[in-house]
Every structure is written in structure tokens, then in C-alpha cells.
Amino acid sequence: MNQFEESVFKKYNKTIWTKFRRGIRDYKLISDGDKVAVCISGGKDSMIMAVCLKRLCMNREIPFSAEYIVMNPGYNAETMDKIRENAGKLDLPVKYFSTRIFESVKNEKKHPCFLCSRLRRGWLYKTAQELGCNKIALGHHFDDVIETTLMSMLYGSQMQTMLPRLKSENYEGVQLIRPLYLVRESDIISWAQDNGLEFTRCACSVTAKPDSHGSKRGEIKELLCRLRETNPAVDMNIFRSAHNVDLRRIMSYHIDDEYHSFLDDFE
């Protein structure tokens, strides 16, 4: 075990490793015999997720296997060098794949990020199937979850959250899982800084801008920072609200195309 891994299981045992394992257990993310495609973008979140999954796999407390994959959508050489450097430092057995996704979306004027996301997700599902994987692990963390919950209300006019586990609608037998569901971003950042690790941020050659600057998610991050000044529990309150929905106090809800209103059983 190298120093970077060791710090996860010692100094950050309570804040990262224990919360990672609790998420795996509470949301039943991995079962005996699973083969997980661990998707590494090159950022801090997917890298720490890969470290934790590698350790969990080695522990054999849950008998499963994993493929560690990096999909290059068209990164420049410097970005790919940094990803390879960090994968080497963390001793991750990565498989690299090249695609032309950035090239495919460069002429998209209105929604290049949306199209890129769809193409990347489709590629990951397809490649996972080809590798014999039945689950895809993404590096979304606790902060992503609460930010998505707020964004859906403030910008999407709906109440929904980012789930820890999803079934694919287009790839039969493949599920998406989020092992860092309970891990806070601040702890991941602290781990990286303590170990002198620098990871890639948004390396998009199409939009060529940081991933949060000027974005709706960036606005939500700023809003949460202000709210924490007067309510330190705001993050957990938002998170728990999606676990504690009283349908009797909801105007309406739907499951797919089946809609229900509070008026249905009012009389």
C-alpha cells in the first residue's frame, strides 16, 4: 500500500473510507459476483473512488471484480499525461480508451455539454457491457447530490435528487452506482492537498472553461456557502429531505407517466 492509499484508510478513515463503505452497504451498491466498470475521468473524485473500490475488492468482504477505465474524449497530451501520472502514483491498473467525442460535439452551438454527456455516458455503458461488467461506478459525491436536489427545484421546477443506484434504460442488465454518495467534497479536497496531489479539472476542448465558473452549479455552490454561515446543518437537511418525503404534503407527483394529485383522495 502506498502513502496515498494509506492516508485514505488511516487519517481519512472516518471521513472517506467509512462513509464510502456505509454507502456501499446502505444502498446495496455492490453484490457478490458483480463486475464493476470504475470510470475515471482524471479528477479528484473518480480517482479517490477508484482507490476505495480497489481496496474493497482486495479485502474480499464482498467478492467482486473491477475494470478501471479512462475514456479519452479528446483531451490534450498534457491532460492525459497528468491522468497517467496520477494513476501510476495511486497504483491503479487502468485501461485507456480513445474516442472522438469532443470532435463530434464541437459544432454543437446550443447544448454542447449536454450532447457530450450523453455520448460519454453511452460509450461507458457500451464499453462496460463489452468488458463483461454489470455495473458502472461514477465519482459523484455528497455535495453533487445536494446541489442537484437544489438545482432541480430552483432551475428545473421539479423535486428530484441524484440517486445512488440506477438501472440503465437502454443497456439491459447494467446499473449505474455512485460509491461516494455519502462522502463530502471538502474531505476529498483535503486528502488531495495533504498528499500533494493535483488532478485534472474540466479539460474540455470545446467550452474551454472551468467546470463551475458561471454555471448554474457554481451558483448553487455559492448559495450553499452563504447558507452555511447561518445554518451549518443545511447540507444534511437538504440531503435528508429527499429521504423523508411525505406524499400527503405534496401537491402532485408522478411515477413515469402515472400522475397523482392531492385532490385524488381529498373528498
C-alpha atoms as a PDB file:
ATOM      1  CA  MET A   1       0.000   0.000   0.000  1.00  0.00           C
ATOM      2  CA  ASN A   2       1.466   3.380  -0.992  1.00  0.00           C
ATOM      3  CA  GLN A   3       1.314   6.569   1.096  1.00  0.00           C
ATOM      4  CA  PHE A   4      -1.643   7.974  -0.851  1.00  0.00           C
ATOM      5  CA  GLU A   5      -3.772   4.898  -0.237  1.00  0.00           C
ATOM      6  CA  GLU A   6      -2.607   4.586   3.362  1.00  0.00           C
ATOM      7  CA  SER A   7      -3.827   8.092   4.195  1.00  0.00           C
ATOM      8  CA  VAL A   8      -7.337   7.164   2.990  1.00  0.00           C
ATOM      9  CA  PHE A   9      -7.551   4.238   5.382  1.00  0.00           C
ATOM     10  CA  LYS A  10      -5.834   5.929   8.334  1.00  0.00           C
ATOM     11  CA  LYS A  11      -6.104   9.730   8.556  1.00  0.00           C
ATOM     12  CA  TYR A  12      -9.279   9.818   6.443  1.00  0.00           C
ATOM     13  CA  ASN A  13     -10.760   6.590   7.724  1.00  0.00           C
ATOM     14  CA  LYS A  14     -13.837   8.230   9.277  1.00  0.00           C
ATOM     15  CA  THR A  15     -14.457  10.909   6.682  1.00  0.00           C
ATOM     16  CA  ILE A  16     -13.799   8.959   3.465  1.00  0.00           C
ATOM     17  CA  TRP A  17     -13.282   5.208   3.867  1.00  0.00           C
ATOM     18  CA  THR A  18     -16.013   4.590   6.476  1.00  0.00           C
ATOM     19  CA  LYS A  19     -18.545   6.747   4.608  1.00  0.00           C
ATOM     20  CA  PHE A  20     -17.646   5.013   1.343  1.00  0.00           C
ATOM     21  CA  ARG A  21     -18.272   1.596   2.904  1.00  0.00           C
ATOM     22  CA  ARG A  22     -21.516   2.791   4.518  1.00  0.00           C
ATOM     23  CA  GLY A  23     -22.805   3.967   1.142  1.00  0.00           C
ATOM     24  CA  ILE A  24     -21.935   0.610  -0.426  1.00  0.00           C
ATOM     25  CA  ARG A  25     -23.783  -1.171   2.389  1.00  0.00           C
ATOM     26  CA  ASP A  26     -26.796   1.095   2.921  1.00  0.00           C
ATOM     27  CA  TYR A  27     -27.684   1.404  -0.761  1.00  0.00           C
ATOM     28  CA  LYS A  28     -26.640  -2.162  -1.701  1.00  0.00           C
ATOM     29  CA  LEU A  29     -24.387  -0.846  -4.460  1.00  0.00           C
ATOM     30  CA  ILE A  30     -22.208  -3.945  -4.899  1.00  0.00           C
ATOM     31  CA  SER A  31     -23.192  -7.609  -4.549  1.00  0.00           C
ATOM     32  CA  ASP A  32     -21.352 -10.912  -4.710  1.00  0.00           C
ATOM     33  CA  GLY A  33     -20.180 -11.684  -8.228  1.00  0.00           C
ATOM     34  CA  ASP A  34     -20.520  -8.154  -9.614  1.00  0.00           C
ATOM     35  CA  LYS A  35     -18.035  -6.859 -12.137  1.00  0.00           C
ATOM     36  CA  VAL A  36     -17.741  -3.081 -11.849  1.00  0.00           C
ATOM     37  CA  ALA A  37     -16.513  -0.682 -14.514  1.00  0.00           C
ATOM     38  CA  VAL A  38     -14.746   2.001 -12.486  1.00  0.00           C
ATOM     39  CA  CYS A  39     -14.951   5.137 -14.628  1.00  0.00           C
ATOM     40  CA  ILE A  40     -12.021   7.500 -14.111  1.00  0.00           C
ATOM     41  CA  SER A  41     -12.270  10.971 -15.617  1.00  0.00           C
ATOM     42  CA  GLY A  42      -8.973  12.148 -14.164  1.00  0.00           C
ATOM     43  CA  GLY A  43     -10.491  14.373 -11.484  1.00  0.00           C
ATOM     44  CA  LYS A  44     -10.061  14.004  -7.737  1.00  0.00           C
ATOM     45  CA  ASP A  45     -13.464  12.374  -7.215  1.00  0.00           C
ATOM     46  CA  SER A  46     -13.139   9.492  -9.671  1.00  0.00           C
ATOM     47  CA  MET A  47      -9.540   8.878  -8.581  1.00  0.00           C
ATOM     48  CA  ILE A  48     -10.373   8.571  -4.875  1.00  0.00           C
ATOM     49  CA  MET A  49     -13.362   6.389  -5.791  1.00  0.00           C
ATOM     50  CA  ALA A  50     -11.048   4.068  -7.721  1.00  0.00           C
ATOM     51  CA  VAL A  51      -8.656   3.854  -4.759  1.00  0.00           C
ATOM     52  CA  CYS A  52     -11.512   2.896  -2.419  1.00  0.00           C
ATOM     53  CA  LEU A  53     -13.009   0.339  -4.807  1.00  0.00           C
ATOM     54  CA  LYS A  54      -9.616  -1.237  -5.373  1.00  0.00           C
ATOM     55  CA  ARG A  55      -9.159  -1.631  -1.616  1.00  0.00           C
ATOM     56  CA  LEU A  56     -12.678  -3.004  -1.148  1.00  0.00           C
ATOM     57  CA  CYS A  57     -12.054  -5.527  -3.910  1.00  0.00           C
ATOM     58  CA  MET A  58      -8.763  -6.620  -2.313  1.00  0.00           C
ATOM     59  CA  ASN A  59     -10.425  -7.007   1.102  1.00  0.00           C
ATOM     60  CA  ARG A  60     -12.790  -9.620  -0.373  1.00  0.00           C
ATOM     61  CA  GLU A  61     -15.511  -8.745   2.131  1.00  0.00           C
ATOM     62  CA  ILE A  62     -17.692  -8.552  -0.968  1.00  0.00           C
ATOM     63  CA  PRO A  63     -16.451 -10.919  -3.706  1.00  0.00           C
ATOM     64  CA  PHE A  64     -16.473  -8.760  -6.841  1.00  0.00           C
ATOM     65  CA  SER A  65     -14.103  -7.739  -9.618  1.00  0.00           C
ATOM     66  CA  ALA A  66     -13.420  -4.439 -11.327  1.00  0.00           C
ATOM     67  CA  GLU A  67     -12.139  -2.862 -14.527  1.00  0.00           C
ATOM     68  CA  TYR A  68     -10.549   0.582 -14.174  1.00  0.00           C
ATOM     69  CA  ILE A  69     -11.169   2.550 -17.344  1.00  0.00           C
ATOM     70  CA  VAL A  70     -10.214   6.002 -18.610  1.00  0.00           C
ATOM     71  CA  MET A  71     -12.054   7.230 -21.664  1.00  0.00           C
ATOM     72  CA  ASN A  72     -10.191   9.955 -23.530  1.00  0.00           C
ATOM     73  CA  PRO A  73     -12.843  12.056 -25.322  1.00  0.00           C
ATOM     74  CA  GLY A  74     -10.171  14.209 -26.964  1.00  0.00           C
ATOM     75  CA  TYR A  75      -8.023  15.561 -24.139  1.00  0.00           C
ATOM     76  CA  ASN A  76      -4.753  17.266 -24.973  1.00  0.00           C
ATOM     77  CA  ALA A  77      -1.471  15.465 -24.336  1.00  0.00           C
ATOM     78  CA  GLU A  78      -0.777  17.380 -21.115  1.00  0.00           C
ATOM     79  CA  THR A  79      -4.069  16.286 -19.575  1.00  0.00           C
ATOM     80  CA  MET A  80      -3.540  12.656 -20.490  1.00  0.00           C
ATOM     81  CA  ASP A  81      -0.009  12.773 -19.080  1.00  0.00           C
ATOM     82  CA  LYS A  82      -1.389  14.065 -15.764  1.00  0.00           C
ATOM     83  CA  ILE A  83      -4.030  11.304 -15.654  1.00  0.00           C
ATOM     84  CA  ARG A  84      -1.402   8.628 -16.320  1.00  0.00           C
ATOM     85  CA  GLU A  85       0.916  10.161 -13.724  1.00  0.00           C
ATOM     86  CA  ASN A  86      -1.761  10.124 -11.021  1.00  0.00           C
ATOM     87  CA  ALA A  87      -2.940   6.629 -11.919  1.00  0.00           C
ATOM     88  CA  GLY A  88       0.651   5.485 -11.501  1.00  0.00           C
ATOM     89  CA  LYS A  89       1.053   7.232  -8.136  1.00  0.00           C
ATOM     90  CA  LEU A  90      -2.163   5.620  -6.883  1.00  0.00           C
ATOM     91  CA  ASP A  91      -1.191   2.229  -8.330  1.00  0.00           C
ATOM     92  CA  LEU A  92      -4.412   1.890 -10.336  1.00  0.00           C
ATOM     93  CA  PRO A  93      -4.469  -0.806 -13.065  1.00  0.00           C
ATOM     94  CA  VAL A  94      -6.062   1.474 -15.658  1.00  0.00           C
ATOM     95  CA  LYS A  95      -7.130   0.622 -19.191  1.00  0.00           C
ATOM     96  CA  TYR A  96      -7.136   3.592 -21.590  1.00  0.00           C
ATOM     97  CA  PHE A  97      -9.557   4.105 -24.475  1.00  0.00           C
ATOM     98  CA  SER A  98      -9.557   6.884 -27.075  1.00  0.00           C
ATOM     99  CA  THR A  99     -12.707   8.360 -28.600  1.00  0.00           C
ATOM    100  CA  ARG A 100     -13.537  11.371 -30.779  1.00  0.00           C
ATOM    101  CA  ILE A 101     -16.367  12.737 -28.649  1.00  0.00           C
ATOM    102  CA  PHE A 102     -15.013  16.290 -28.382  1.00  0.00           C
ATOM    103  CA  GLU A 103     -14.677  16.359 -32.157  1.00  0.00           C
ATOM    104  CA  SER A 104     -18.275  15.131 -32.505  1.00  0.00           C
ATOM    105  CA  VAL A 105     -19.718  17.961 -30.401  1.00  0.00           C
ATOM    106  CA  LYS A 106     -17.501  20.879 -31.437  1.00  0.00           C
ATOM    107  CA  ASN A 107     -20.085  22.174 -33.937  1.00  0.00           C
ATOM    108  CA  GLU A 108     -22.976  21.923 -31.477  1.00  0.00           C
ATOM    109  CA  LYS A 109     -23.942  25.531 -30.715  1.00  0.00           C
ATOM    110  CA  LYS A 110     -26.732  25.379 -28.138  1.00  0.00           C
ATOM    111  CA  HIS A 111     -26.012  22.450 -25.822  1.00  0.00           C
ATOM    112  CA  PRO A 112     -22.521  21.007 -26.381  1.00  0.00           C
ATOM    113  CA  CYS A 113     -22.163  19.899 -22.736  1.00  0.00           C
ATOM    114  CA  PHE A 114     -25.486  18.030 -22.796  1.00  0.00           C
ATOM    115  CA  LEU A 115     -24.592  16.228 -26.021  1.00  0.00           C
ATOM    116  CA  CYS A 116     -21.090  15.430 -24.762  1.00  0.00           C
ATOM    117  CA  SER A 117     -22.526  13.991 -21.546  1.00  0.00           C
ATOM    118  CA  ARG A 118     -24.932  11.759 -23.467  1.00  0.00           C
ATOM    119  CA  LEU A 119     -22.229  10.491 -25.801  1.00  0.00           C
ATOM    120  CA  ARG A 120     -19.821   9.810 -22.949  1.00  0.00           C
ATOM    121  CA  ARG A 121     -22.454   8.014 -20.881  1.00  0.00           C
ATOM    122  CA  GLY A 122     -23.495   5.908 -23.881  1.00  0.00           C
ATOM    123  CA  TRP A 123     -19.868   4.982 -24.554  1.00  0.00           C
ATOM    124  CA  LEU A 124     -19.356   3.976 -20.931  1.00  0.00           C
ATOM    125  CA  TYR A 125     -22.415   1.711 -20.899  1.00  0.00           C
ATOM    126  CA  LYS A 126     -21.433   0.091 -24.194  1.00  0.00           C
ATOM    127  CA  THR A 127     -17.819  -0.448 -23.128  1.00  0.00           C
ATOM    128  CA  ALA A 128     -18.878  -1.797 -19.731  1.00  0.00           C
ATOM    129  CA  GLN A 129     -21.000  -4.421 -21.469  1.00  0.00           C
ATOM    130  CA  GLU A 130     -18.140  -5.342 -23.787  1.00  0.00           C
ATOM    131  CA  LEU A 131     -15.872  -5.812 -20.757  1.00  0.00           C
ATOM    132  CA  GLY A 132     -18.461  -8.045 -19.096  1.00  0.00           C
ATOM    133  CA  CYS A 133     -19.344  -5.508 -16.400  1.00  0.00           C
ATOM    134  CA  ASN A 134     -22.828  -5.315 -14.935  1.00  0.00           C
ATOM    135  CA  LYS A 135     -22.247  -2.071 -13.011  1.00  0.00           C
ATOM    136  CA  ILE A 136     -20.718   1.317 -13.795  1.00  0.00           C
ATOM    137  CA  ALA A 137     -19.241   3.353 -10.931  1.00  0.00           C
ATOM    138  CA  LEU A 138     -19.175   7.147 -11.194  1.00  0.00           C
ATOM    139  CA  GLY A 139     -17.482   9.566  -8.802  1.00  0.00           C
ATOM    140  CA  HIS A 140     -20.414  11.759  -7.745  1.00  0.00           C
ATOM    141  CA  HIS A 141     -20.210  12.678  -4.063  1.00  0.00           C
ATOM    142  CA  PHE A 142     -22.443  14.056  -1.286  1.00  0.00           C
ATOM    143  CA  ASP A 143     -22.114  17.666  -2.472  1.00  0.00           C
ATOM    144  CA  ASP A 144     -23.138  16.696  -6.019  1.00  0.00           C
ATOM    145  CA  VAL A 145     -26.268  15.119  -4.556  1.00  0.00           C
ATOM    146  CA  ILE A 146     -27.465  18.141  -2.574  1.00  0.00           C
ATOM    147  CA  GLU A 147     -26.522  20.569  -5.344  1.00  0.00           C
ATOM    148  CA  THR A 148     -28.540  18.523  -7.838  1.00  0.00           C
ATOM    149  CA  THR A 149     -31.503  18.471  -5.449  1.00  0.00           C
ATOM    150  CA  LEU A 150     -31.461  22.273  -5.180  1.00  0.00           C
ATOM    151  CA  MET A 151     -30.877  22.759  -8.905  1.00  0.00           C
ATOM    152  CA  SER A 152     -33.894  20.646  -9.777  1.00  0.00           C
ATOM    153  CA  MET A 153     -36.100  22.886  -7.617  1.00  0.00           C
ATOM    154  CA  LEU A 154     -34.643  26.301  -8.432  1.00  0.00           C
ATOM    155  CA  TYR A 155     -33.933  25.816 -12.124  1.00  0.00           C
ATOM    156  CA  GLY A 156     -35.909  22.730 -13.169  1.00  0.00           C
ATOM    157  CA  SER A 157     -39.261  23.315 -11.437  1.00  0.00           C
ATOM    158  CA  GLN A 158     -39.269  19.797 -10.064  1.00  0.00           C
ATOM    159  CA  MET A 159     -38.383  17.882  -6.912  1.00  0.00           C
ATOM    160  CA  GLN A 160     -35.894  15.123  -7.563  1.00  0.00           C
ATOM    161  CA  THR A 161     -32.429  14.106  -6.492  1.00  0.00           C
ATOM    162  CA  MET A 162     -29.387  12.194  -7.709  1.00  0.00           C
ATOM    163  CA  LEU A 163     -29.909   8.542  -6.778  1.00  0.00           C
ATOM    164  CA  PRO A 164     -27.112   6.273  -5.531  1.00  0.00           C
ATOM    165  CA  ARG A 165     -28.119   3.491  -7.902  1.00  0.00           C
ATOM    166  CA  LEU A 166     -29.904   3.405 -11.262  1.00  0.00           C
ATOM    167  CA  LYS A 167     -30.900   0.776 -13.797  1.00  0.00           C
ATOM    168  CA  SER A 168     -29.976   1.538 -17.381  1.00  0.00           C
ATOM    169  CA  GLU A 169     -32.959   2.026 -19.664  1.00  0.00           C
ATOM    170  CA  ASN A 170     -31.037   1.164 -22.828  1.00  0.00           C
ATOM    171  CA  TYR A 171     -28.473  -1.413 -21.706  1.00  0.00           C
ATOM    172  CA  GLU A 172     -30.164  -4.412 -20.155  1.00  0.00           C
ATOM    173  CA  GLY A 173     -28.580  -5.748 -17.007  1.00  0.00           C
ATOM    174  CA  VAL A 174     -26.297  -2.746 -16.452  1.00  0.00           C
ATOM    175  CA  GLN A 175     -26.628  -0.474 -13.433  1.00  0.00           C
ATOM    176  CA  LEU A 176     -25.015   2.835 -12.529  1.00  0.00           C
ATOM    177  CA  ILE A 177     -23.732   3.222  -8.968  1.00  0.00           C
ATOM    178  CA  ARG A 178     -22.293   6.165  -7.002  1.00  0.00           C
ATOM    179  CA  PRO A 179     -19.995   4.789  -4.264  1.00  0.00           C
ATOM    180  CA  LEU A 180     -19.040   8.260  -2.930  1.00  0.00           C
ATOM    181  CA  TYR A 181     -22.675   9.133  -2.226  1.00  0.00           C
ATOM    182  CA  LEU A 182     -22.007   9.895   1.461  1.00  0.00           C
ATOM    183  CA  VAL A 183     -18.502  11.376   1.093  1.00  0.00           C
ATOM    184  CA  ARG A 184     -18.151  15.158   1.284  1.00  0.00           C
ATOM    185  CA  GLU A 185     -16.173  17.041  -1.341  1.00  0.00           C
ATOM    186  CA  SER A 186     -14.237  19.008   1.293  1.00  0.00           C
ATOM    187  CA  ASP A 187     -12.746  15.769   2.634  1.00  0.00           C
ATOM    188  CA  ILE A 188     -11.691  14.659  -0.850  1.00  0.00           C
ATOM    189  CA  ILE A 189     -10.045  18.041  -1.427  1.00  0.00           C
ATOM    190  CA  SER A 190      -8.291  17.800   1.951  1.00  0.00           C
ATOM    191  CA  TRP A 191      -6.974  14.306   1.128  1.00  0.00           C
ATOM    192  CA  ALA A 192      -5.592  15.502  -2.216  1.00  0.00           C
ATOM    193  CA  GLN A 193      -3.939  18.575  -0.688  1.00  0.00           C
ATOM    194  CA  ASP A 194      -2.432  16.629   2.207  1.00  0.00           C
ATOM    195  CA  ASN A 195      -0.798  14.282  -0.270  1.00  0.00           C
ATOM    196  CA  GLY A 196       0.349  16.984  -2.683  1.00  0.00           C
ATOM    197  CA  LEU A 197      -1.783  15.561  -5.477  1.00  0.00           C
ATOM    198  CA  GLU A 198      -3.030  17.699  -8.358  1.00  0.00           C
ATOM    199  CA  PHE A 199      -5.829  16.352 -10.513  1.00  0.00           C
ATOM    200  CA  THR A 200      -7.393  17.483 -13.768  1.00  0.00           C
ATOM    201  CA  ARG A 201     -10.405  19.763 -13.692  1.00  0.00           C
ATOM    202  CA  CYS A 202     -12.580  20.412 -16.709  1.00  0.00           C
ATOM    203  CA  ALA A 203     -10.319  19.540 -19.657  1.00  0.00           C
ATOM    204  CA  CYS A 204     -12.942  20.203 -22.305  1.00  0.00           C
ATOM    205  CA  SER A 205     -11.527  21.449 -25.589  1.00  0.00           C
ATOM    206  CA  VAL A 206     -14.959  22.676 -26.720  1.00  0.00           C
ATOM    207  CA  THR A 207     -16.047  25.047 -23.949  1.00  0.00           C
ATOM    208  CA  ALA A 208     -12.519  25.554 -22.556  1.00  0.00           C
ATOM    209  CA  LYS A 209     -13.664  26.885 -19.180  1.00  0.00           C
ATOM    210  CA  PRO A 210     -13.647  25.692 -15.534  1.00  0.00           C
ATOM    211  CA  ASP A 211     -16.440  23.326 -14.663  1.00  0.00           C
ATOM    212  CA  SER A 212     -18.242  25.589 -12.182  1.00  0.00           C
ATOM    213  CA  HIS A 213     -17.402  29.176 -13.149  1.00  0.00           C
ATOM    214  CA  GLY A 214     -20.511  30.951 -14.391  1.00  0.00           C
ATOM    215  CA  SER A 215     -22.550  27.751 -14.316  1.00  0.00           C
ATOM    216  CA  LYS A 216     -25.805  27.019 -12.517  1.00  0.00           C
ATOM    217  CA  ARG A 217     -23.986  24.504 -10.338  1.00  0.00           C
ATOM    218  CA  GLY A 218     -21.471  27.221  -9.475  1.00  0.00           C
ATOM    219  CA  GLU A 219     -24.314  29.480  -8.395  1.00  0.00           C
ATOM    220  CA  ILE A 220     -25.706  26.722  -6.182  1.00  0.00           C
ATOM    221  CA  LYS A 221     -22.282  26.187  -4.585  1.00  0.00           C
ATOM    222  CA  GLU A 222     -22.111  29.887  -3.745  1.00  0.00           C
ATOM    223  CA  LEU A 223     -25.658  29.844  -2.349  1.00  0.00           C
ATOM    224  CA  LEU A 224     -24.834  26.896  -0.095  1.00  0.00           C
ATOM    225  CA  CYS A 225     -21.717  28.658   1.183  1.00  0.00           C
ATOM    226  CA  ARG A 226     -23.852  31.620   2.263  1.00  0.00           C
ATOM    227  CA  LEU A 227     -26.498  29.409   3.854  1.00  0.00           C
ATOM    228  CA  ARG A 228     -23.896  27.529   5.908  1.00  0.00           C
ATOM    229  CA  GLU A 229     -22.907  30.789   7.604  1.00  0.00           C
ATOM    230  CA  THR A 230     -26.219  30.879   9.476  1.00  0.00           C
ATOM    231  CA  ASN A 231     -27.212  27.193   9.278  1.00  0.00           C
ATOM    232  CA  PRO A 232     -24.287  24.745   9.459  1.00  0.00           C
ATOM    233  CA  ALA A 233     -26.707  21.813   9.117  1.00  0.00           C
ATOM    234  CA  VAL A 234     -28.153  22.976   5.795  1.00  0.00           C
ATOM    235  CA  ASP A 235     -26.289  20.358   3.726  1.00  0.00           C
ATOM    236  CA  MET A 236     -27.562  17.420   5.748  1.00  0.00           C
ATOM    237  CA  ASN A 237     -31.062  18.899   5.924  1.00  0.00           C
ATOM    238  CA  ILE A 238     -31.236  19.049   2.125  1.00  0.00           C
ATOM    239  CA  PHE A 239     -29.846  15.526   1.853  1.00  0.00           C
ATOM    240  CA  ARG A 240     -32.307  14.076   4.374  1.00  0.00           C
ATOM    241  CA  SER A 241     -35.267  15.874   2.802  1.00  0.00           C
ATOM    242  CA  ALA A 242     -35.028  13.523  -0.187  1.00  0.00           C
ATOM    243  CA  HIS A 243     -35.169  10.569   2.233  1.00  0.00           C
ATOM    244  CA  ASN A 244     -38.153  11.922   4.151  1.00  0.00           C
ATOM    245  CA  VAL A 245     -40.890  12.796   1.643  1.00  0.00           C
ATOM    246  CA  ASP A 246     -44.477  12.865   2.931  1.00  0.00           C
ATOM    247  CA  LEU A 247     -46.679  12.347  -0.129  1.00  0.00           C
ATOM    248  CA  ARG A 248     -49.676  13.681   1.820  1.00  0.00           C
ATOM    249  CA  ARG A 249     -47.973  17.100   1.824  1.00  0.00           C
ATOM    250  CA  ILE A 250     -47.044  17.092  -1.862  1.00  0.00           C
ATOM    251  CA  MET A 251     -49.239  18.870  -4.418  1.00  0.00           C
ATOM    252  CA  SER A 252     -48.689  16.198  -7.036  1.00  0.00           C
ATOM    253  CA  TYR A 253     -46.232  13.500  -8.013  1.00  0.00           C
ATOM    254  CA  HIS A 254     -45.761  11.026 -10.816  1.00  0.00           C
ATOM    255  CA  ILE A 255     -44.158   7.664 -11.475  1.00  0.00           C
ATOM    256  CA  ASP A 256     -43.229   7.693 -15.158  1.00  0.00           C
ATOM    257  CA  ASP A 257     -46.463   8.719 -16.927  1.00  0.00           C
ATOM    258  CA  GLU A 258     -48.756   7.908 -13.992  1.00  0.00           C
ATOM    259  CA  TYR A 259     -49.692  11.192 -12.305  1.00  0.00           C
ATOM    260  CA  HIS A 260     -51.272  11.703  -8.884  1.00  0.00           C
ATOM    261  CA  SER A 261     -52.691  14.823  -7.198  1.00  0.00           C
ATOM    262  CA  PHE A 262     -53.509  15.592  -3.578  1.00  0.00           C
ATOM    263  CA  LEU A 263     -57.066  16.080  -4.828  1.00  0.00           C
ATOM    264  CA  ASP A 264     -57.382  12.426  -5.944  1.00  0.00           C
ATOM    265  CA  ASP A 265     -58.436  11.229  -2.467  1.00  0.00           C
ATOM    266  CA  PHE A 266     -59.442  14.571  -0.990  1.00  0.00           C
ATOM    267  CA  GLU A 267     -63.191  14.033  -0.801  1.00  0.00           C
END
